[in-house]
Amino acid sequence: MARFLLALFALASLALPLAAAAPADVRVGAAVVFPPWTSQADAFARIGASGGALVSAGTVPFVAVATAGEPAAFARAVRAAGAWLLLDPGALGGCLVSNEGTDFTSSSRT
């Protein structure tokens, strides 16, 4: 029982920061996170097949920043294509995405 509660606490501890990092507007840019075994070429292909446009590669092969004109449809399609998360790239602070040359700050969302 103690292990279950500890696991539940760990999941809840991760859920809040991830929910806070959810992209405000996929039309501006979202970090799309695939499983770690996804190659960069496969991640790019899945984003394109889901109706997204690639903005930049992530610092790891299974993460990329993408935009989409139809955010809800893109989110559904890219998740169906295997994406685990769509996050605000500015909130990641460069941990998974490199924002060189791209402004993902909240001021760009006006």
N, C-alpha and C. Protein backbone atom coordinates (compact mmCIF):
# COMPACT_ATOMS: atom_id res chain seq x y z
N MET A 1 0.82 -1.19 0.00
CA MET A 1 0.00 0.00 0.00
C MET A 1 0.87 1.27 0.00
N ALA A 2 1.94 1.23 0.74
CA ALA A 2 2.84 2.39 0.81
C ALA A 2 3.47 2.66 -0.55
N ARG A 3 3.83 1.61 -1.27
CA ARG A 3 4.41 1.79 -2.60
C ARG A 3 3.39 2.41 -3.55
N PHE A 4 2.16 1.98 -3.45
CA PHE A 4 1.10 2.54 -4.30
C PHE A 4 0.93 4.03 -4.03
N LEU A 5 0.89 4.41 -2.75
CA LEU A 5 0.74 5.82 -2.40
C LEU A 5 1.94 6.63 -2.85
N LEU A 6 3.12 6.06 -2.73
CA LEU A 6 4.33 6.75 -3.18
C LEU A 6 4.29 6.95 -4.70
N ALA A 7 3.88 5.93 -5.43
CA ALA A 7 3.77 6.03 -6.89
C ALA A 7 2.72 7.06 -7.28
N LEU A 8 1.61 7.06 -6.56
CA LEU A 8 0.54 8.03 -6.84
C LEU A 8 1.04 9.45 -6.57
N PHE A 9 1.77 9.64 -5.50
CA PHE A 9 2.33 10.95 -5.18
C PHE A 9 3.32 11.40 -6.26
N ALA A 10 4.16 10.46 -6.71
CA ALA A 10 5.14 10.80 -7.76
C ALA A 10 4.44 11.21 -9.04
N LEU A 11 3.40 10.49 -9.43
CA LEU A 11 2.66 10.85 -10.64
C LEU A 11 1.98 12.20 -10.50
N ALA A 12 1.39 12.45 -9.35
CA ALA A 12 0.74 13.75 -9.11
C ALA A 12 1.76 14.88 -9.13
N SER A 13 2.95 14.63 -8.60
CA SER A 13 4.00 15.64 -8.59
C SER A 13 4.45 16.00 -10.00
N LEU A 14 4.42 15.04 -10.89
CA LEU A 14 4.80 15.29 -12.28
C LEU A 14 3.66 15.92 -13.07
N ALA A 15 2.44 15.59 -12.73
CA ALA A 15 1.28 16.05 -13.51
C ALA A 15 1.10 17.56 -13.44
N LEU A 16 1.29 18.16 -12.29
CA LEU A 16 1.07 19.60 -12.16
C LEU A 16 2.04 20.42 -13.00
N PRO A 17 3.34 20.17 -12.95
CA PRO A 17 4.23 20.95 -13.82
C PRO A 17 3.97 20.71 -15.30
N LEU A 18 3.65 19.49 -15.67
CA LEU A 18 3.37 19.21 -17.07
C LEU A 18 2.09 19.90 -17.53
N ALA A 19 1.09 19.94 -16.68
CA ALA A 19 -0.14 20.64 -17.04
C ALA A 19 0.13 22.14 -17.17
N ALA A 20 0.96 22.67 -16.33
CA ALA A 20 1.30 24.09 -16.41
C ALA A 20 2.11 24.40 -17.66
N ALA A 21 2.82 23.42 -18.17
CA ALA A 21 3.65 23.63 -19.35
C ALA A 21 2.90 23.36 -20.65
N ALA A 22 1.62 23.04 -20.58
CA ALA A 22 0.84 22.76 -21.79
C ALA A 22 0.87 23.98 -22.70
N PRO A 23 0.95 23.76 -24.00
CA PRO A 23 1.05 24.89 -24.92
C PRO A 23 -0.18 25.78 -24.88
N ALA A 24 0.03 27.07 -24.82
CA ALA A 24 -1.09 28.01 -24.81
C ALA A 24 -1.74 28.08 -26.18
N ASP A 25 -0.94 27.96 -27.24
CA ASP A 25 -1.47 28.07 -28.59
C ASP A 25 -0.54 27.33 -29.55
N VAL A 26 -1.00 26.21 -30.07
CA VAL A 26 -0.20 25.40 -30.99
C VAL A 26 0.10 26.17 -32.27
N ARG A 27 -0.72 27.20 -32.57
CA ARG A 27 -0.45 28.01 -33.76
C ARG A 27 0.85 28.77 -33.61
N VAL A 28 1.29 29.02 -32.36
CA VAL A 28 2.55 29.71 -32.09
C VAL A 28 3.69 28.70 -32.03
N GLY A 29 3.47 27.56 -31.42
CA GLY A 29 4.48 26.52 -31.33
C GLY A 29 4.27 25.63 -30.13
N ALA A 30 4.47 24.36 -30.33
CA ALA A 30 4.35 23.38 -29.25
C ALA A 30 5.50 22.40 -29.36
N ALA A 31 6.09 22.07 -28.23
CA ALA A 31 7.10 21.03 -28.19
C ALA A 31 6.35 19.70 -28.18
N VAL A 32 6.58 18.91 -29.21
CA VAL A 32 5.92 17.61 -29.34
C VAL A 32 6.90 16.55 -28.87
N VAL A 33 6.51 15.81 -27.82
CA VAL A 33 7.39 14.82 -27.21
C VAL A 33 6.88 13.43 -27.56
N PHE A 34 7.73 12.66 -28.24
CA PHE A 34 7.44 11.28 -28.60
C PHE A 34 8.18 10.35 -27.64
N PRO A 35 7.90 9.06 -27.69
CA PRO A 35 8.66 8.13 -26.85
C PRO A 35 10.16 8.23 -27.17
N PRO A 36 11.01 8.00 -26.19
CA PRO A 36 12.46 8.17 -26.38
C PRO A 36 13.07 7.33 -27.49
N TRP A 37 12.45 6.25 -27.88
CA TRP A 37 12.99 5.39 -28.93
C TRP A 37 12.60 5.88 -30.34
N THR A 38 11.89 7.01 -30.43
CA THR A 38 11.50 7.56 -31.72
C THR A 38 12.67 8.32 -32.33
N SER A 39 13.00 8.01 -33.58
CA SER A 39 14.09 8.72 -34.25
C SER A 39 13.62 10.12 -34.64
N GLN A 40 14.59 10.99 -34.89
CA GLN A 40 14.25 12.35 -35.28
C GLN A 40 13.49 12.36 -36.61
N ALA A 41 13.92 11.57 -37.56
CA ALA A 41 13.24 11.51 -38.86
C ALA A 41 11.80 11.03 -38.68
N ASP A 42 11.59 10.05 -37.82
CA ASP A 42 10.25 9.54 -37.58
C ASP A 42 9.39 10.59 -36.89
N ALA A 43 9.96 11.30 -35.92
CA ALA A 43 9.21 12.37 -35.23
C ALA A 43 8.78 13.44 -36.23
N PHE A 44 9.71 13.85 -37.09
CA PHE A 44 9.39 14.87 -38.11
C PHE A 44 8.29 14.37 -39.04
N ALA A 45 8.39 13.11 -39.47
CA ALA A 45 7.39 12.55 -40.38
C ALA A 45 6.02 12.47 -39.71
N ARG A 46 5.98 12.09 -38.46
CA ARG A 46 4.70 12.00 -37.74
C ARG A 46 4.06 13.37 -37.57
N ILE A 47 4.87 14.38 -37.31
CA ILE A 47 4.35 15.74 -37.19
C ILE A 47 3.75 16.19 -38.52
N GLY A 48 4.48 15.96 -39.61
CA GLY A 48 3.98 16.34 -40.93
C GLY A 48 2.71 15.60 -41.31
N ALA A 49 2.68 14.31 -41.04
CA ALA A 49 1.51 13.51 -41.36
C ALA A 49 0.29 13.90 -40.52
N SER A 50 0.55 14.54 -39.39
CA SER A 50 -0.54 14.96 -38.50
C SER A 50 -1.04 16.36 -38.81
N GLY A 51 -0.49 17.00 -39.84
CA GLY A 51 -0.93 18.33 -40.22
C GLY A 51 -0.14 19.46 -39.59
N GLY A 52 0.99 19.13 -38.97
CA GLY A 52 1.82 20.16 -38.35
C GLY A 52 2.95 20.60 -39.25
N ALA A 53 3.51 21.73 -38.92
CA ALA A 53 4.68 22.25 -39.63
C ALA A 53 5.84 22.31 -38.65
N LEU A 54 6.97 21.79 -39.03
CA LEU A 54 8.14 21.76 -38.17
C LEU A 54 8.73 23.16 -38.02
N VAL A 55 8.99 23.56 -36.77
CA VAL A 55 9.63 24.84 -36.48
C VAL A 55 11.10 24.63 -36.18
N SER A 56 11.39 23.68 -35.31
CA SER A 56 12.79 23.38 -34.98
C SER A 56 12.89 22.00 -34.35
N ALA A 57 14.09 21.46 -34.39
CA ALA A 57 14.37 20.18 -33.74
C ALA A 57 14.59 20.41 -32.26
N GLY A 58 14.36 19.39 -31.49
CA GLY A 58 14.64 19.46 -30.06
C GLY A 58 16.09 19.15 -29.79
N THR A 59 16.48 19.24 -28.55
CA THR A 59 17.85 18.92 -28.17
C THR A 59 18.05 17.41 -28.10
N VAL A 60 16.95 16.67 -28.11
CA VAL A 60 16.98 15.21 -28.19
C VAL A 60 16.15 14.80 -29.41
N PRO A 61 16.45 13.67 -30.03
CA PRO A 61 15.81 13.32 -31.30
C PRO A 61 14.29 13.14 -31.24
N PHE A 62 13.76 12.78 -30.10
CA PHE A 62 12.34 12.47 -30.01
C PHE A 62 11.47 13.67 -29.64
N VAL A 63 12.04 14.87 -29.66
CA VAL A 63 11.30 16.10 -29.37
C VAL A 63 11.50 17.07 -30.53
N ALA A 64 10.41 17.71 -30.95
CA ALA A 64 10.49 18.72 -31.99
C ALA A 64 9.45 19.79 -31.70
N VAL A 65 9.69 20.99 -32.19
CA VAL A 65 8.73 22.08 -32.04
C VAL A 65 7.98 22.21 -33.35
N ALA A 66 6.66 22.26 -33.24
CA ALA A 66 5.81 22.34 -34.43
C ALA A 66 4.71 23.35 -34.22
N THR A 67 4.15 23.81 -35.32
CA THR A 67 2.97 24.67 -35.30
C THR A 67 1.89 23.99 -36.13
N ALA A 68 0.67 24.46 -35.96
CA ALA A 68 -0.45 23.93 -36.74
C ALA A 68 -1.55 24.97 -36.79
N GLY A 69 -2.19 25.08 -37.92
CA GLY A 69 -3.29 26.02 -38.07
C GLY A 69 -4.56 25.57 -37.38
N GLU A 70 -4.71 24.27 -37.22
CA GLU A 70 -5.88 23.69 -36.54
C GLU A 70 -5.38 22.97 -35.28
N PRO A 71 -5.22 23.70 -34.18
CA PRO A 71 -4.59 23.13 -32.98
C PRO A 71 -5.26 21.86 -32.44
N ALA A 72 -6.57 21.85 -32.33
CA ALA A 72 -7.25 20.68 -31.75
C ALA A 72 -7.08 19.46 -32.64
N ALA A 73 -7.23 19.65 -33.96
CA ALA A 73 -7.09 18.53 -34.88
C ALA A 73 -5.66 18.01 -34.89
N PHE A 74 -4.69 18.93 -34.85
CA PHE A 74 -3.29 18.53 -34.82
C PHE A 74 -2.98 17.76 -33.54
N ALA A 75 -3.45 18.27 -32.41
CA ALA A 75 -3.19 17.60 -31.13
C ALA A 75 -3.74 16.18 -31.15
N ARG A 76 -4.96 16.01 -31.63
CA ARG A 76 -5.54 14.66 -31.71
C ARG A 76 -4.73 13.77 -32.64
N ALA A 77 -4.39 14.30 -33.82
CA ALA A 77 -3.68 13.50 -34.82
C ALA A 77 -2.28 13.12 -34.38
N VAL A 78 -1.54 14.07 -33.79
CA VAL A 78 -0.17 13.77 -33.40
C VAL A 78 -0.15 12.82 -32.19
N ARG A 79 -1.13 12.92 -31.32
CA ARG A 79 -1.22 11.94 -30.21
C ARG A 79 -1.55 10.56 -30.76
N ALA A 80 -2.44 10.50 -31.75
CA ALA A 80 -2.76 9.22 -32.38
C ALA A 80 -1.54 8.65 -33.10
N ALA A 81 -0.64 9.54 -33.53
CA ALA A 81 0.60 9.11 -34.20
C ALA A 81 1.69 8.73 -33.21
N GLY A 82 1.39 8.80 -31.92
CA GLY A 82 2.33 8.33 -30.91
C GLY A 82 2.94 9.37 -30.00
N ALA A 83 2.59 10.65 -30.16
CA ALA A 83 3.16 11.68 -29.28
C ALA A 83 2.65 11.47 -27.85
N TRP A 84 3.54 11.64 -26.90
CA TRP A 84 3.16 11.53 -25.50
C TRP A 84 2.64 12.85 -24.96
N LEU A 85 3.31 13.94 -25.32
CA LEU A 85 2.98 15.24 -24.74
C LEU A 85 3.11 16.35 -25.77
N LEU A 86 2.34 17.40 -25.57
CA LEU A 86 2.53 18.67 -26.28
C LEU A 86 2.73 19.70 -25.19
N LEU A 87 3.88 20.35 -25.20
CA LEU A 87 4.25 21.28 -24.13
C LEU A 87 4.59 22.65 -24.69
N ASP A 88 4.52 23.64 -23.83
CA ASP A 88 4.94 24.99 -24.20
C ASP A 88 6.46 24.99 -24.28
N PRO A 89 7.03 25.25 -25.46
CA PRO A 89 8.49 25.20 -25.57
C PRO A 89 9.20 26.24 -24.72
N GLY A 90 8.59 27.38 -24.47
CA GLY A 90 9.19 28.40 -23.62
C GLY A 90 9.26 27.98 -22.17
N ALA A 91 8.30 27.17 -21.75
CA ALA A 91 8.27 26.72 -20.35
C ALA A 91 9.32 25.67 -20.06
N LEU A 92 9.84 25.04 -21.10
CA LEU A 92 10.84 24.00 -20.90
C LEU A 92 12.22 24.56 -20.59
N GLY A 93 12.41 25.82 -20.84
CA GLY A 93 13.67 26.48 -20.47
C GLY A 93 14.89 25.90 -21.15
N GLY A 94 14.74 25.38 -22.36
CA GLY A 94 15.87 24.83 -23.08
C GLY A 94 16.25 23.42 -22.68
N CYS A 95 15.46 22.79 -21.82
CA CYS A 95 15.78 21.43 -21.40
C CYS A 95 15.62 20.43 -22.55
N LEU A 96 14.54 20.57 -23.31
CA LEU A 96 14.27 19.63 -24.40
C LEU A 96 14.24 20.29 -25.76
N VAL A 97 14.09 21.60 -25.79
CA VAL A 97 14.04 22.29 -27.08
C VAL A 97 15.08 23.38 -27.11
N SER A 98 15.63 23.56 -28.28
CA SER A 98 16.58 24.64 -28.49
C SER A 98 15.82 25.76 -29.17
N ASN A 99 15.73 26.91 -28.53
CA ASN A 99 14.95 28.00 -29.11
C ASN A 99 15.84 29.06 -29.76
N GLU A 100 16.98 28.64 -30.26
CA GLU A 100 17.87 29.57 -30.95
C GLU A 100 17.16 30.12 -32.18
N GLY A 101 17.05 31.42 -32.25
CA GLY A 101 16.42 32.05 -33.40
C GLY A 101 14.91 32.04 -33.38
N THR A 102 14.32 31.46 -32.37
CA THR A 102 12.86 31.39 -32.28
C THR A 102 12.43 31.92 -30.94
N ASP A 103 11.46 32.81 -30.94
CA ASP A 103 10.98 33.41 -29.69
C ASP A 103 9.71 32.72 -29.26
N PHE A 104 9.80 31.91 -28.20
CA PHE A 104 8.64 31.23 -27.66
C PHE A 104 8.19 31.84 -26.34
N THR A 105 8.51 33.09 -26.10
CA THR A 105 8.13 33.72 -24.86
C THR A 105 6.65 34.07 -24.92
N SER A 106 6.06 34.35 -23.77
CA SER A 106 4.64 34.65 -23.71
C SER A 106 4.30 35.91 -24.49
N SER A 107 5.25 36.80 -24.68
CA SER A 107 4.96 38.03 -25.42
C SER A 107 4.71 37.74 -26.90
N SER A 108 5.13 36.60 -27.40
CA SER A 108 4.91 36.27 -28.80
C SER A 108 3.51 35.72 -29.03
N ARG A 109 2.74 35.56 -27.97
CA ARG A 109 1.41 34.97 -28.09
C ARG A 109 0.32 36.02 -28.09
N THR A 110 0.60 37.20 -28.47
CA THR A 110 -0.42 38.25 -28.46
C THR A 110 -1.23 38.24 -29.71
